[in-house]
């Protein structure tokens, strides 16, 4: 088994998500209910593969950390603006 990163390329209104693993030049279209809840287009996922069959899908930890940092920075900017306004 091996782990690769894949990006959420598309989310359909019919409840499907398309994942793209550039390192393998491979796409998968899967039902949305097997994907971690908080994904959106552009989210990075970590896939565990048995050959080319997906056996596990997790949020990519670097993507989670980057998102948290971005939210923290936005929150800090809002707090700074609020302090300057008072």
N, C-alpha and C. Protein backbone atom coordinates (compact mmCIF):
# COMPACT_ATOMS: atom_id res chain seq x y z
N UNK A 1 0.84 -1.18 0.00
CA UNK A 1 0.00 0.00 0.00
C UNK A 1 0.88 1.24 0.00
N UNK A 2 0.37 2.28 -0.64
CA UNK A 2 1.12 3.53 -0.65
C UNK A 2 0.17 4.69 -0.45
N UNK A 3 0.76 5.81 -0.03
CA UNK A 3 -0.03 7.02 0.19
C UNK A 3 0.35 8.06 -0.85
N UNK A 4 -0.66 8.73 -1.36
CA UNK A 4 -0.46 9.82 -2.31
C UNK A 4 -1.38 10.97 -1.93
N UNK A 5 -1.09 12.13 -2.47
CA UNK A 5 -1.96 13.30 -2.29
C UNK A 5 -2.81 13.48 -3.53
N UNK A 6 -4.05 13.88 -3.31
CA UNK A 6 -4.97 14.16 -4.40
C UNK A 6 -5.74 15.43 -4.06
N UNK A 7 -6.11 16.14 -5.09
CA UNK A 7 -6.86 17.38 -4.91
C UNK A 7 -8.32 17.14 -5.31
N UNK A 8 -9.22 17.82 -4.61
CA UNK A 8 -10.63 17.77 -4.99
C UNK A 8 -10.79 18.68 -6.20
N UNK A 9 -11.04 18.07 -7.33
CA UNK A 9 -11.12 18.79 -8.60
C UNK A 9 -12.52 19.34 -8.86
N UNK A 10 -13.53 18.55 -8.49
CA UNK A 10 -14.91 18.93 -8.79
C UNK A 10 -15.86 18.29 -7.79
N UNK A 11 -16.92 19.01 -7.46
CA UNK A 11 -18.00 18.47 -6.63
C UNK A 11 -19.29 18.71 -7.40
N UNK A 12 -19.99 17.63 -7.72
CA UNK A 12 -21.21 17.76 -8.51
C UNK A 12 -22.43 17.95 -7.63
N UNK A 13 -23.47 18.52 -8.21
CA UNK A 13 -24.72 18.70 -7.48
C UNK A 13 -25.42 17.36 -7.26
N UNK A 14 -25.01 16.34 -8.01
CA UNK A 14 -25.60 15.01 -7.87
C UNK A 14 -24.98 14.21 -6.72
N UNK A 15 -24.00 14.79 -6.02
CA UNK A 15 -23.42 14.12 -4.87
C UNK A 15 -22.15 13.33 -5.15
N UNK A 16 -21.44 13.71 -6.20
CA UNK A 16 -20.18 13.05 -6.53
C UNK A 16 -19.03 14.03 -6.43
N UNK A 17 -17.85 13.50 -6.15
CA UNK A 17 -16.64 14.31 -6.06
C UNK A 17 -15.60 13.68 -6.98
N UNK A 18 -14.85 14.52 -7.68
CA UNK A 18 -13.78 14.05 -8.54
C UNK A 18 -12.45 14.41 -7.89
N UNK A 19 -11.61 13.40 -7.70
CA UNK A 19 -10.29 13.58 -7.12
C UNK A 19 -9.25 13.40 -8.21
N UNK A 20 -8.20 14.22 -8.15
CA UNK A 20 -7.11 14.13 -9.12
C UNK A 20 -5.81 13.92 -8.38
N UNK A 21 -5.13 12.83 -8.73
CA UNK A 21 -3.79 12.56 -8.21
C UNK A 21 -2.81 12.83 -9.35
N UNK A 22 -2.22 14.01 -9.35
CA UNK A 22 -1.32 14.40 -10.44
C UNK A 22 -0.13 13.47 -10.56
N UNK A 23 0.37 12.98 -9.42
CA UNK A 23 1.56 12.12 -9.44
C UNK A 23 1.31 10.82 -10.20
N UNK A 24 0.07 10.39 -10.27
CA UNK A 24 -0.28 9.16 -11.00
C UNK A 24 -1.01 9.45 -12.31
N UNK A 25 -1.30 10.72 -12.56
CA UNK A 25 -2.14 11.10 -13.70
C UNK A 25 -3.45 10.29 -13.68
N UNK A 26 -4.07 10.25 -12.51
CA UNK A 26 -5.26 9.42 -12.30
C UNK A 26 -6.36 10.25 -11.66
N UNK A 27 -7.59 10.03 -12.12
CA UNK A 27 -8.77 10.66 -11.53
C UNK A 27 -9.72 9.58 -11.03
N UNK A 28 -10.41 9.90 -9.93
CA UNK A 28 -11.46 9.04 -9.41
C UNK A 28 -12.70 9.90 -9.23
N UNK A 29 -13.86 9.35 -9.55
CA UNK A 29 -15.14 9.98 -9.24
C UNK A 29 -15.83 9.09 -8.23
N UNK A 30 -16.09 9.66 -7.05
CA UNK A 30 -16.61 8.89 -5.93
C UNK A 30 -17.87 9.55 -5.37
N UNK A 31 -18.66 8.77 -4.66
CA UNK A 31 -19.82 9.34 -3.97
C UNK A 31 -19.32 10.23 -2.84
N UNK A 32 -19.95 11.37 -2.68
CA UNK A 32 -19.54 12.37 -1.70
C UNK A 32 -19.60 11.84 -0.27
N UNK A 33 -20.48 10.89 0.02
CA UNK A 33 -20.65 10.44 1.40
C UNK A 33 -19.47 9.63 1.94
N UNK A 34 -18.50 9.26 1.10
CA UNK A 34 -17.31 8.57 1.60
C UNK A 34 -16.11 9.50 1.76
N UNK A 35 -16.31 10.78 1.46
CA UNK A 35 -15.25 11.78 1.53
C UNK A 35 -15.37 12.52 2.87
N UNK A 36 -14.23 12.93 3.46
CA UNK A 36 -14.31 13.74 4.69
C UNK A 36 -15.24 14.94 4.50
N UNK A 37 -16.01 15.25 5.51
CA UNK A 37 -17.11 16.21 5.43
C UNK A 37 -16.70 17.60 4.96
N UNK A 38 -15.58 18.09 5.41
CA UNK A 38 -15.26 19.51 5.20
C UNK A 38 -14.50 19.80 3.91
N UNK A 39 -14.55 18.94 2.91
CA UNK A 39 -13.82 19.21 1.69
C UNK A 39 -14.56 20.20 0.81
N UNK A 40 -13.78 20.88 0.01
CA UNK A 40 -14.31 21.78 -1.00
C UNK A 40 -13.37 21.68 -2.20
N UNK A 41 -13.74 22.27 -3.30
CA UNK A 41 -12.86 22.26 -4.46
C UNK A 41 -11.54 22.90 -4.06
N UNK A 42 -10.45 22.22 -4.37
CA UNK A 42 -9.12 22.71 -4.01
C UNK A 42 -8.56 22.09 -2.74
N UNK A 43 -9.40 21.37 -1.99
CA UNK A 43 -8.90 20.70 -0.78
C UNK A 43 -7.96 19.56 -1.17
N UNK A 44 -6.94 19.37 -0.35
CA UNK A 44 -6.01 18.26 -0.56
C UNK A 44 -6.36 17.12 0.37
N UNK A 45 -6.36 15.92 -0.19
CA UNK A 45 -6.65 14.71 0.57
C UNK A 45 -5.46 13.77 0.47
N UNK A 46 -5.31 12.94 1.47
CA UNK A 46 -4.29 11.91 1.45
C UNK A 46 -5.00 10.58 1.22
N UNK A 47 -4.63 9.90 0.14
CA UNK A 47 -5.25 8.64 -0.21
C UNK A 47 -4.29 7.50 0.10
N UNK A 48 -4.81 6.43 0.65
CA UNK A 48 -4.05 5.20 0.80
C UNK A 48 -4.55 4.26 -0.28
N UNK A 49 -3.62 3.78 -1.10
CA UNK A 49 -3.97 2.95 -2.25
C UNK A 49 -3.43 1.54 -2.12
N UNK A 50 -4.21 0.60 -2.61
CA UNK A 50 -3.78 -0.77 -2.83
C UNK A 50 -3.82 -0.92 -4.34
N UNK A 51 -2.66 -0.81 -4.99
CA UNK A 51 -2.53 -0.68 -6.44
C UNK A 51 -3.18 0.66 -6.80
N UNK A 52 -4.31 0.68 -7.51
CA UNK A 52 -4.98 1.96 -7.79
C UNK A 52 -6.34 2.02 -7.10
N UNK A 53 -6.62 1.09 -6.22
CA UNK A 53 -7.88 1.07 -5.47
C UNK A 53 -7.70 1.85 -4.18
N UNK A 54 -8.58 2.80 -3.94
CA UNK A 54 -8.52 3.62 -2.72
C UNK A 54 -9.04 2.79 -1.55
N UNK A 55 -8.23 2.70 -0.49
CA UNK A 55 -8.67 1.97 0.71
C UNK A 55 -8.91 2.91 1.89
N UNK A 56 -8.36 4.13 1.83
CA UNK A 56 -8.60 5.10 2.90
C UNK A 56 -8.43 6.51 2.34
N UNK A 57 -9.27 7.43 2.84
CA UNK A 57 -9.21 8.84 2.45
C UNK A 57 -9.18 9.66 3.73
N UNK A 58 -8.18 10.55 3.82
CA UNK A 58 -8.05 11.44 4.98
C UNK A 58 -7.75 12.85 4.49
N UNK A 59 -8.09 13.82 5.32
CA UNK A 59 -7.69 15.19 5.01
C UNK A 59 -6.17 15.25 5.07
N UNK A 60 -5.56 15.98 4.13
CA UNK A 60 -4.12 16.16 4.15
C UNK A 60 -3.76 17.09 5.31
N UNK A 61 -2.89 16.66 6.18
CA UNK A 61 -2.55 17.42 7.39
C UNK A 61 -1.95 18.78 7.07
N UNK A 62 -1.13 18.87 6.03
CA UNK A 62 -0.55 20.17 5.66
C UNK A 62 -1.64 21.14 5.23
N UNK A 63 -2.65 20.63 4.52
CA UNK A 63 -3.77 21.47 4.10
C UNK A 63 -4.56 21.96 5.30
N UNK A 64 -4.75 21.09 6.28
CA UNK A 64 -5.46 21.47 7.51
C UNK A 64 -4.69 22.57 8.24
N UNK A 65 -3.39 22.39 8.40
CA UNK A 65 -2.57 23.39 9.09
C UNK A 65 -2.59 24.71 8.34
N UNK A 66 -2.46 24.67 7.02
CA UNK A 66 -2.47 25.90 6.22
C UNK A 66 -3.82 26.61 6.36
N UNK A 67 -4.90 25.86 6.38
CA UNK A 67 -6.23 26.47 6.55
C UNK A 67 -6.36 27.12 7.92
N UNK A 68 -5.87 26.45 8.94
CA UNK A 68 -5.94 27.03 10.29
C UNK A 68 -5.12 28.31 10.38
N UNK A 69 -3.94 28.31 9.77
CA UNK A 69 -3.10 29.51 9.77
C UNK A 69 -3.81 30.65 9.06
N UNK A 70 -4.43 30.36 7.92
CA UNK A 70 -5.14 31.40 7.17
C UNK A 70 -6.30 31.96 7.99
N UNK A 71 -7.05 31.11 8.65
CA UNK A 71 -8.16 31.56 9.49
C UNK A 71 -7.64 32.40 10.65
N UNK A 72 -6.58 31.95 11.29
CA UNK A 72 -5.99 32.71 12.40
C UNK A 72 -5.54 34.09 11.95
N UNK A 73 -4.92 34.17 10.78
CA UNK A 73 -4.47 35.47 10.26
C UNK A 73 -5.64 36.39 9.97
N UNK A 74 -6.70 35.85 9.36
CA UNK A 74 -7.88 36.67 9.09
C UNK A 74 -8.51 37.16 10.39
N UNK A 75 -8.61 36.27 11.36
CA UNK A 75 -9.17 36.62 12.66
C UNK A 75 -8.35 37.73 13.31
N UNK A 76 -7.03 37.61 13.24
CA UNK A 76 -6.16 38.62 13.83
C UNK A 76 -6.33 39.97 13.13
N UNK A 77 -6.45 39.96 11.79
CA UNK A 77 -6.67 41.21 11.06
C UNK A 77 -7.99 41.85 11.47
N UNK A 78 -9.03 41.04 11.62
CA UNK A 78 -10.32 41.58 12.06
C UNK A 78 -10.22 42.18 13.46
N UNK A 79 -9.51 41.51 14.35
CA UNK A 79 -9.33 42.02 15.70
C UNK A 79 -8.55 43.33 15.69
N UNK A 80 -7.51 43.39 14.85
CA UNK A 80 -6.70 44.61 14.74
C UNK A 80 -7.55 45.77 14.21
N UNK A 81 -8.38 45.52 13.19
CA UNK A 81 -9.25 46.56 12.65
C UNK A 81 -10.23 47.04 13.71
N UNK A 82 -10.75 46.11 14.46
CA UNK A 82 -11.71 46.44 15.52
C UNK A 82 -11.06 47.33 16.58
N UNK A 83 -9.83 47.01 16.96
CA UNK A 83 -9.11 47.80 17.96
C UNK A 83 -8.84 49.21 17.44
N UNK A 84 -8.48 49.32 16.17
CA UNK A 84 -8.20 50.64 15.59
C UNK A 84 -9.47 51.48 15.48
N UNK A 85 -10.60 50.81 15.26
CA UNK A 85 -11.88 51.51 15.12
C UNK A 85 -12.41 52.05 16.43
N UNK A 86 -11.98 51.51 17.55
CA UNK A 86 -12.49 51.94 18.87
C UNK A 86 -11.67 53.03 19.45
